[in-house]
N, C-alpha and C. Protein backbone atom coordinates (compact mmCIF):
# COMPACT_ATOMS: atom_id res chain seq x y z
N MET A 1 0.87 -1.26 0.47
CA MET A 1 0.06 0.36 0.27
C MET A 1 0.70 1.56 1.13
N ILE A 2 0.65 2.31 -0.34
CA ILE A 2 0.74 3.12 -0.71
C ILE A 2 -0.07 4.50 0.38
N PHE A 3 1.26 5.33 1.65
CA PHE A 3 0.95 6.01 2.12
C PHE A 3 1.12 7.48 2.24
N ALA A 4 0.56 8.70 2.23
CA ALA A 4 1.34 10.46 2.57
C ALA A 4 1.71 10.08 3.45
N VAL A 5 3.14 10.68 3.51
CA VAL A 5 3.73 11.22 4.21
C VAL A 5 3.30 12.67 3.79
N ARG A 6 3.56 13.58 5.12
CA ARG A 6 3.29 15.22 5.15
C ARG A 6 4.69 15.68 5.41
N THR A 7 4.86 16.71 5.24
CA THR A 7 6.19 17.07 5.25
C THR A 7 6.09 19.18 5.52
N ILE A 8 7.35 19.45 5.27
CA ILE A 8 7.30 20.73 5.52
C ILE A 8 7.30 21.22 4.06
N VAL A 9 7.02 22.39 3.50
CA VAL A 9 6.58 22.15 2.13
C VAL A 9 8.25 23.44 2.17
N GLY A 10 8.82 22.62 0.59
CA GLY A 10 10.07 22.62 0.23
C GLY A 10 10.80 22.22 0.43
N ARG A 11 10.12 21.39 1.97
CA ARG A 11 11.59 20.71 2.02
C ARG A 11 11.39 18.74 1.84
N GLU A 12 10.51 18.28 0.58
CA GLU A 12 10.03 17.41 0.85
C GLU A 12 11.90 16.34 0.11
N GLU A 13 11.91 16.83 -1.10
CA GLU A 13 13.98 16.05 -1.00
C GLU A 13 14.39 15.77 0.19
N VAL A 14 14.25 17.22 1.22
CA VAL A 14 15.57 16.56 2.05
C VAL A 14 14.59 15.24 2.38
N VAL A 15 13.55 15.28 3.13
CA VAL A 15 12.90 14.11 3.84
C VAL A 15 12.99 12.97 2.80
N LEU A 16 12.72 12.49 1.22
CA LEU A 16 12.64 12.10 0.77
C LEU A 16 14.11 11.35 0.36
N GLU A 17 15.20 11.66 0.78
CA GLU A 17 17.06 11.81 0.92
C GLU A 17 16.98 10.87 2.63
N SER A 18 16.47 11.97 3.26
CA SER A 18 16.46 11.55 5.33
C SER A 18 15.64 9.80 5.28
N LEU A 19 14.82 9.55 4.81
CA LEU A 19 13.42 8.51 4.52
C LEU A 19 14.11 7.24 3.65
N TYR A 20 14.82 7.35 2.36
CA TYR A 20 15.65 6.62 1.64
C TYR A 20 16.38 6.26 2.90
N ASN A 21 17.85 6.63 3.77
CA ASN A 21 18.94 6.20 4.36
C ASN A 21 18.11 6.31 5.54
N ARG A 22 17.09 6.34 5.92
CA ARG A 22 16.98 5.62 7.13
C ARG A 22 17.04 3.65 6.66
N ALA A 23 15.98 4.02 5.46
CA ALA A 23 15.68 2.16 5.52
C ALA A 23 16.75 2.20 4.68
N ILE A 24 17.20 2.35 4.46
CA ILE A 24 18.87 1.48 4.18
C ILE A 24 18.93 0.68 5.21
N LYS A 25 19.76 2.09 6.12
CA LYS A 25 20.56 2.06 7.28
C LYS A 25 20.06 0.81 8.01
N ASN A 26 18.33 1.16 8.81
CA ASN A 26 17.63 0.45 9.14
C ASN A 26 16.97 -1.04 8.32
N ASN A 27 17.51 -1.22 7.73
CA ASN A 27 16.07 -2.00 7.03
C ASN A 27 15.63 -2.59 7.68
N ILE A 28 14.61 -1.19 7.55
CA ILE A 28 12.96 -1.13 7.25
C ILE A 28 12.70 -1.83 5.57
N PRO A 29 11.59 -2.53 5.55
CA PRO A 29 11.78 -2.85 4.44
C PRO A 29 9.42 -2.01 3.70
N VAL A 30 10.68 -1.00 2.72
CA VAL A 30 9.64 -0.18 1.73
C VAL A 30 10.33 -0.95 0.81
N LYS A 31 9.21 -0.21 -0.25
CA LYS A 31 9.19 -1.02 -1.47
C LYS A 31 9.37 0.71 -2.32
N ALA A 32 9.22 1.77 -2.22
CA ALA A 32 9.36 2.37 -3.16
C ALA A 32 9.26 4.38 -2.16
N LEU A 33 10.17 4.70 -2.52
CA LEU A 33 9.73 6.49 -1.99
C LEU A 33 9.58 7.18 -2.89
N ILE A 34 8.64 8.70 -3.51
CA ILE A 34 8.84 9.27 -4.46
C ILE A 34 7.93 10.62 -4.01
N HIS A 35 8.01 11.91 -4.91
CA HIS A 35 7.79 12.67 -4.75
C HIS A 35 7.35 13.64 -5.84
N PRO A 36 6.21 13.29 -5.79
CA PRO A 36 6.11 14.45 -7.23
C PRO A 36 6.41 15.98 -7.20
N GLN A 37 6.92 16.34 -7.92
CA GLN A 37 6.98 17.87 -8.24
C GLN A 37 5.68 19.13 -8.17
N GLU A 38 4.74 18.55 -8.52
CA GLU A 38 3.83 19.03 -8.24
C GLU A 38 2.85 18.74 -6.63
N ILE A 39 3.04 18.12 -6.20
CA ILE A 39 2.69 18.60 -4.72
C ILE A 39 3.21 18.77 -3.84
N LYS A 40 2.92 19.70 -3.25
CA LYS A 40 3.64 20.31 -1.98
C LYS A 40 3.92 19.74 -0.89
N GLY A 41 4.14 19.71 -0.02
CA GLY A 41 4.05 18.97 1.47
C GLY A 41 4.43 17.18 1.30
N TYR A 42 3.85 16.76 0.23
CA TYR A 42 3.63 15.92 0.78
C TYR A 42 4.90 14.39 -0.38
N VAL A 43 5.73 13.54 0.69
CA VAL A 43 5.62 12.25 -0.46
C VAL A 43 5.38 11.33 -0.21
N PHE A 44 5.19 10.19 -0.59
CA PHE A 44 4.95 8.63 -0.76
C PHE A 44 5.78 7.61 -0.70
N VAL A 45 4.93 6.96 0.73
CA VAL A 45 6.06 5.66 1.20
C VAL A 45 5.06 4.86 -0.15
N GLU A 46 6.17 3.35 0.06
CA GLU A 46 5.17 2.63 -0.12
C GLU A 46 5.77 1.28 0.82
N GLY A 47 4.39 0.89 1.59
CA GLY A 47 4.80 -0.47 2.67
C GLY A 47 3.39 -0.53 2.85
N ASP A 48 4.58 -1.17 4.04
CA ASP A 48 2.94 -2.05 5.04
C ASP A 48 2.76 -0.52 5.82
N ILE A 49 1.86 -0.04 6.85
CA ILE A 49 1.73 1.32 7.53
C ILE A 49 2.67 0.85 8.74
N GLU A 50 3.08 -0.50 9.64
CA GLU A 50 4.17 -0.34 10.69
C GLU A 50 5.31 -0.18 10.35
N SER A 51 5.80 -0.50 8.79
CA SER A 51 7.25 0.45 8.51
C SER A 51 7.27 1.33 8.11
N VAL A 52 6.29 2.11 7.32
CA VAL A 52 6.21 3.36 7.25
C VAL A 52 6.33 3.59 8.51
N ARG A 53 5.41 3.50 9.42
CA ARG A 53 5.77 4.98 10.80
C ARG A 53 6.79 4.47 11.30
N GLU A 54 7.41 3.29 11.28
CA GLU A 54 8.54 3.04 11.84
C GLU A 54 10.01 4.15 11.27
N LEU A 55 9.86 4.43 9.84
CA LEU A 55 10.95 5.08 8.68
C LEU A 55 10.72 6.46 9.06
N ILE A 56 9.36 7.08 9.49
CA ILE A 56 9.15 8.36 9.63
C ILE A 56 9.77 8.79 11.46
N LYS A 57 9.69 7.94 12.03
CA LYS A 57 9.78 8.71 13.37
C LYS A 57 11.22 9.08 13.63
N GLY A 58 10.79 10.03 14.14
CA GLY A 58 11.48 11.62 14.36
C GLY A 58 12.28 11.89 13.84
N VAL A 59 12.26 12.14 12.11
CA VAL A 59 12.81 12.32 10.87
C VAL A 59 12.41 14.07 10.72
N VAL A 60 13.19 14.69 11.37
CA VAL A 60 12.82 16.12 10.77
C VAL A 60 11.97 16.31 9.24
N ASN A 61 11.47 17.46 9.62
CA ASN A 61 10.91 18.21 8.54
C ASN A 61 9.70 17.06 8.32
N VAL A 62 9.11 16.61 8.74
CA VAL A 62 7.80 14.39 8.68
C VAL A 62 7.19 15.48 9.24
N ARG A 63 5.28 15.91 8.74
CA ARG A 63 4.94 16.58 10.10
C ARG A 63 3.28 16.16 10.76
N GLY A 64 4.05 14.47 9.85
CA GLY A 64 2.73 13.36 10.34
C GLY A 64 2.90 12.54 8.66
N LEU A 65 1.19 11.84 9.38
CA LEU A 65 1.32 10.48 8.49
C LEU A 65 -0.41 10.78 7.68
N ILE A 66 -0.28 10.00 6.75
CA ILE A 66 -2.02 9.81 6.73
C ILE A 66 -2.31 8.23 6.35
N THR A 67 -2.59 7.86 7.81
CA THR A 67 -2.85 6.26 7.16
C THR A 67 -4.31 6.33 7.16
N THR A 68 -4.81 6.90 6.18
CA THR A 68 -5.57 6.14 4.61
C THR A 68 -4.91 5.83 2.55
N PRO A 69 -4.51 4.74 3.20
CA PRO A 69 -3.69 4.78 1.86
C PRO A 69 -4.54 5.11 0.60
N VAL A 70 -3.57 5.41 -0.56
CA VAL A 70 -4.19 6.49 -1.94
C VAL A 70 -3.53 5.07 -2.55
N ASN A 71 -4.41 5.53 -3.59
CA ASN A 71 -4.38 4.75 -5.00
C ASN A 71 -3.82 4.57 -5.68
N ILE A 72 -2.40 3.75 -6.35
CA ILE A 72 -2.00 4.07 -7.19
C ILE A 72 -2.12 4.47 -8.96
N ASP A 73 -3.32 4.79 -8.68
CA ASP A 73 -4.50 5.25 -9.34
C ASP A 73 -4.18 6.91 -9.94
N GLU A 74 -4.21 8.00 -8.39
CA GLU A 74 -4.22 8.85 -8.68
C GLU A 74 -3.00 8.99 -8.94
N LEU A 75 -2.04 8.59 -8.57
CA LEU A 75 -0.51 8.80 -8.96
C LEU A 75 0.15 8.71 -10.32
N LYS A 76 -0.27 7.83 -10.83
CA LYS A 76 0.36 7.69 -12.38
C LYS A 76 0.13 8.46 -13.19
N LYS A 77 -0.50 10.05 -12.64
CA LYS A 77 -0.13 11.07 -13.40
C LYS A 77 1.23 11.56 -14.00
N PHE A 78 1.15 11.86 -11.74
CA PHE A 78 3.09 12.54 -12.18
C PHE A 78 3.70 11.34 -11.92
N LEU A 79 3.70 10.03 -12.68
CA LEU A 79 4.91 9.29 -12.84
C LEU A 79 5.21 9.13 -13.97
N LYS A 80 4.09 9.95 -14.90
CA LYS A 80 5.15 9.28 -16.43
C LYS A 80 5.75 10.75 -16.40
N PRO A 81 7.14 11.02 -17.44
CA PRO A 81 7.16 11.57 -18.28
C PRO A 81 6.24 12.71 -18.45
N LYS A 82 6.59 14.30 -18.61
CA LYS A 82 6.10 14.47 -19.37
C LYS A 82 6.85 15.34 -20.45
N GLU A 83 6.21 15.71 -21.98
CA GLU A 83 6.18 16.09 -22.95
C GLU A 83 7.41 17.38 -23.40
N SER A 84 7.83 17.73 -23.08
CA SER A 84 8.33 18.58 -23.33
C SER A 84 7.50 19.75 -24.63
N LYS A 85 7.06 21.02 -24.58
CA LYS A 85 6.79 21.71 -26.18
C LYS A 85 7.78 22.46 -26.50
N ILE A 86 8.62 22.61 -25.77
CA ILE A 86 9.52 23.94 -26.32
C ILE A 86 10.88 22.92 -26.44
N GLU A 87 10.96 23.16 -28.10
CA GLU A 87 12.66 22.69 -27.89
C GLU A 87 14.10 23.78 -27.57
N VAL A 88 14.48 23.48 -26.90
CA VAL A 88 15.35 24.57 -26.44
C VAL A 88 16.68 23.56 -26.83
N SER A 89 18.29 23.73 -26.84
CA SER A 89 19.29 23.52 -26.88
C SER A 89 20.44 24.51 -26.71
N LEU A 90 21.80 23.31 -26.06
CA LEU A 90 22.45 24.22 -25.47
C LEU A 90 23.35 25.58 -26.33
N GLY A 91 23.14 26.51 -25.63
CA GLY A 91 23.85 27.10 -26.33
C GLY A 91 23.24 28.63 -26.83
N ASP A 92 21.23 28.44 -27.12
CA ASP A 92 20.59 29.13 -27.13
C ASP A 92 20.56 30.32 -26.36
N ILE A 93 20.00 30.95 -26.76
CA ILE A 93 19.26 32.85 -26.23
C ILE A 93 18.34 32.63 -25.98
N ILE A 94 17.57 32.05 -24.82
CA ILE A 94 16.95 32.55 -24.43
C ILE A 94 15.88 33.62 -22.99
N GLU A 95 14.71 33.32 -23.22
CA GLU A 95 14.61 34.67 -22.12
C GLU A 95 13.20 34.25 -21.32
N VAL A 96 12.80 34.10 -20.07
CA VAL A 96 12.48 34.15 -19.19
C VAL A 96 10.94 34.75 -18.74
N VAL A 97 10.03 34.07 -18.79
CA VAL A 97 8.95 35.08 -19.43
C VAL A 97 7.82 35.13 -17.90
N SER A 98 8.15 34.19 -17.10
CA SER A 98 7.35 34.09 -16.05
C SER A 98 7.98 33.67 -14.16
N GLY A 99 7.52 33.66 -13.54
CA GLY A 99 8.84 34.00 -12.29
C GLY A 99 9.17 34.93 -11.57
N PRO A 100 10.50 34.88 -10.52
CA PRO A 100 11.17 35.41 -10.04
C PRO A 100 11.75 36.07 -11.39
N PHE A 101 12.57 35.69 -12.93
CA PHE A 101 13.59 35.72 -13.54
C PHE A 101 12.92 36.23 -14.40
N LYS A 102 11.70 37.41 -14.36
CA LYS A 102 11.16 37.16 -15.25
C LYS A 102 11.96 38.58 -16.33
N ASP A 103 12.09 38.56 -17.34
CA ASP A 103 12.80 39.37 -18.08
C ASP A 103 14.01 39.05 -18.40
N THR A 104 15.06 38.26 -17.43
CA THR A 104 16.17 37.77 -18.31
C THR A 104 16.55 37.29 -19.02
N ARG A 105 17.05 37.28 -19.61
CA ARG A 105 17.94 36.67 -20.74
C ARG A 105 19.36 36.27 -19.87
N GLY A 106 19.55 34.69 -21.18
CA GLY A 106 20.62 33.84 -21.27
C GLY A 106 20.47 33.15 -21.77
N LYS A 107 22.33 32.55 -21.49
CA LYS A 107 22.32 31.01 -22.21
C LYS A 107 22.09 29.90 -21.71
N VAL A 108 21.56 29.10 -23.02
CA VAL A 108 21.29 28.01 -22.36
C VAL A 108 22.98 27.05 -21.61
N THR A 109 22.83 26.66 -20.79
CA THR A 109 24.43 25.62 -20.34
C THR A 109 24.01 24.46 -19.83
N ARG A 110 22.81 24.06 -18.93
CA ARG A 110 22.72 22.99 -19.30
C ARG A 110 20.72 22.75 -18.91
N ILE A 111 19.83 21.38 -20.09
CA ILE A 111 19.39 20.80 -19.72
C ILE A 111 18.47 19.81 -19.26
N ASP A 112 18.39 19.59 -18.79
CA ASP A 112 17.23 18.18 -17.57
C ASP A 112 16.41 18.14 -17.77
N SER A 113 15.70 17.24 -19.15
CA SER A 113 14.74 16.52 -19.83
C SER A 113 13.81 15.84 -18.87
N ILE A 114 14.31 15.22 -17.46
CA ILE A 114 13.35 14.69 -17.26
C ILE A 114 12.37 15.67 -15.90
N LYS A 115 13.21 16.39 -15.61
CA LYS A 115 12.94 17.21 -14.29
C LYS A 115 12.13 18.63 -15.75
N ARG A 116 12.77 18.53 -16.51
CA ARG A 116 11.88 19.38 -17.77
C ARG A 116 12.40 20.85 -16.83
N GLU A 117 13.83 21.28 -16.64
CA GLU A 117 14.23 22.38 -15.94
C GLU A 117 15.85 22.53 -16.87
N ILE A 118 15.40 24.47 -17.55
CA ILE A 118 17.06 24.21 -18.02
C ILE A 118 18.82 25.62 -16.97
N THR A 119 19.54 24.99 -17.27
CA THR A 119 20.27 26.33 -16.24
C THR A 119 21.11 27.12 -17.28
N ILE A 120 20.49 28.30 -16.94
CA ILE A 120 20.97 29.33 -17.95
C ILE A 120 22.35 30.32 -17.32
N GLU A 121 22.43 31.26 -18.08
CA GLU A 121 23.86 31.91 -17.12
C GLU A 121 23.20 33.20 -17.92
N PRO A 122 23.22 34.18 -17.37
CA PRO A 122 21.95 35.45 -17.37
C PRO A 122 22.92 36.34 -18.21
N LEU A 123 22.43 37.23 -19.83
CA LEU A 123 23.91 37.56 -19.78
C LEU A 123 23.73 39.62 -19.51
N GLU A 124 22.70 39.95 -18.56
CA GLU A 124 23.14 41.40 -17.87
C GLU A 124 23.94 41.16 -16.94
N VAL A 125 24.28 40.91 -16.66
CA VAL A 125 24.87 40.26 -15.17
C VAL A 125 26.97 41.11 -15.16
N SER A 126 27.51 41.23 -14.43
CA SER A 126 28.79 41.27 -14.22
C SER A 126 28.96 39.37 -14.30
N ILE A 127 28.94 39.40 -13.29
CA ILE A 127 28.82 37.57 -13.20
C ILE A 127 28.38 36.58 -12.72
N PRO A 128 28.19 36.54 -15.03
CA PRO A 128 27.15 35.59 -15.02
C PRO A 128 26.63 33.99 -13.70
N ILE A 129 26.13 34.09 -12.69
CA ILE A 129 25.54 32.81 -11.83
C ILE A 129 24.74 32.59 -12.43
N PRO A 130 24.48 30.28 -12.35
CA PRO A 130 23.83 29.73 -13.47
C PRO A 130 22.11 29.87 -12.60
N ILE A 131 21.61 29.71 -13.27
CA ILE A 131 19.51 29.51 -12.83
C ILE A 131 19.10 28.31 -13.08
N THR A 132 18.69 28.11 -12.59
CA THR A 132 17.52 26.63 -12.95
C THR A 132 16.37 27.17 -13.01
N ILE A 133 16.09 26.74 -13.71
CA ILE A 133 14.38 27.40 -13.95
C ILE A 133 13.91 26.17 -14.65
N PRO A 134 11.93 26.01 -14.79
CA PRO A 134 11.53 25.44 -15.43
C PRO A 134 11.38 25.17 -17.23
N ILE A 135 11.36 24.64 -18.18
CA ILE A 135 11.31 24.52 -18.61
C ILE A 135 10.38 25.78 -20.02
N GLU A 136 9.48 25.75 -19.16
CA GLU A 136 7.78 26.52 -19.21
C GLU A 136 7.69 27.63 -19.18
N PHE A 137 9.02 27.61 -18.42
CA PHE A 137 8.89 29.26 -17.41
C PHE A 137 9.53 30.51 -19.28
N VAL A 138 10.52 29.92 -19.86
CA VAL A 138 11.36 30.34 -21.12
C VAL A 138 10.88 30.66 -22.51
N LYS A 139 11.11 31.65 -23.40
CA LYS A 139 10.56 31.33 -24.76
C LYS A 139 12.23 31.67 -25.43
N ILE A 140 12.68 30.76 -26.86
CA ILE A 140 13.86 31.54 -26.85
C ILE A 140 13.44 32.09 -28.27
N VAL A 141 14.38 33.01 -28.06
CA VAL A 141 14.97 34.66 -28.27
C VAL A 141 16.45 33.78 -30.07
N GLU A 142 17.00 33.81 -29.44
CA GLU A 142 17.53 33.46 -30.97
C GLU A 142 18.75 31.74 -30.41
N LYS A 143 18.57 30.87 -31.47
CA LYS A 143 18.80 29.36 -31.93
C LYS A 143 20.65 29.55 -31.82
N LYS A 144 20.73 28.57 -31.41
CA LYS A 144 22.39 28.49 -31.64
C LYS A 144 23.00 28.50 -33.04
N LYS A 145 23.82 29.11 -33.26
CA LYS A 145 23.91 29.51 -34.73
C LYS A 145 25.34 27.61 -34.88
């Protein structure tokens, strides 16, 4: 069965890593741990209820366990990789169209197609610090030649 574990929003990845390490170290029989990026404040653990309780006991940033099992059909849509509608290549010049870096232009230095994120180096700054943003937040200004 799959159970939802409540976490502090923004700390899901830390909790996921802590749970994974704890399961390995203490040989706790859980089958899977996931955190869909679209669901804030929750990670999902597959295993029996007692194993999940043992796993989360004392873990920092865990706020509780929802003891009603989650149906796998509710999570299936989050398990499939999403298709990217925008074709970005390394070296392309893009403009950020949404989020805190809106109107920033930058050069694409890395593409993570699984997480659907790109890393850019801003062009109009004296010290270019890499910024990682969702691919949906950008538009292509100039393709690499």
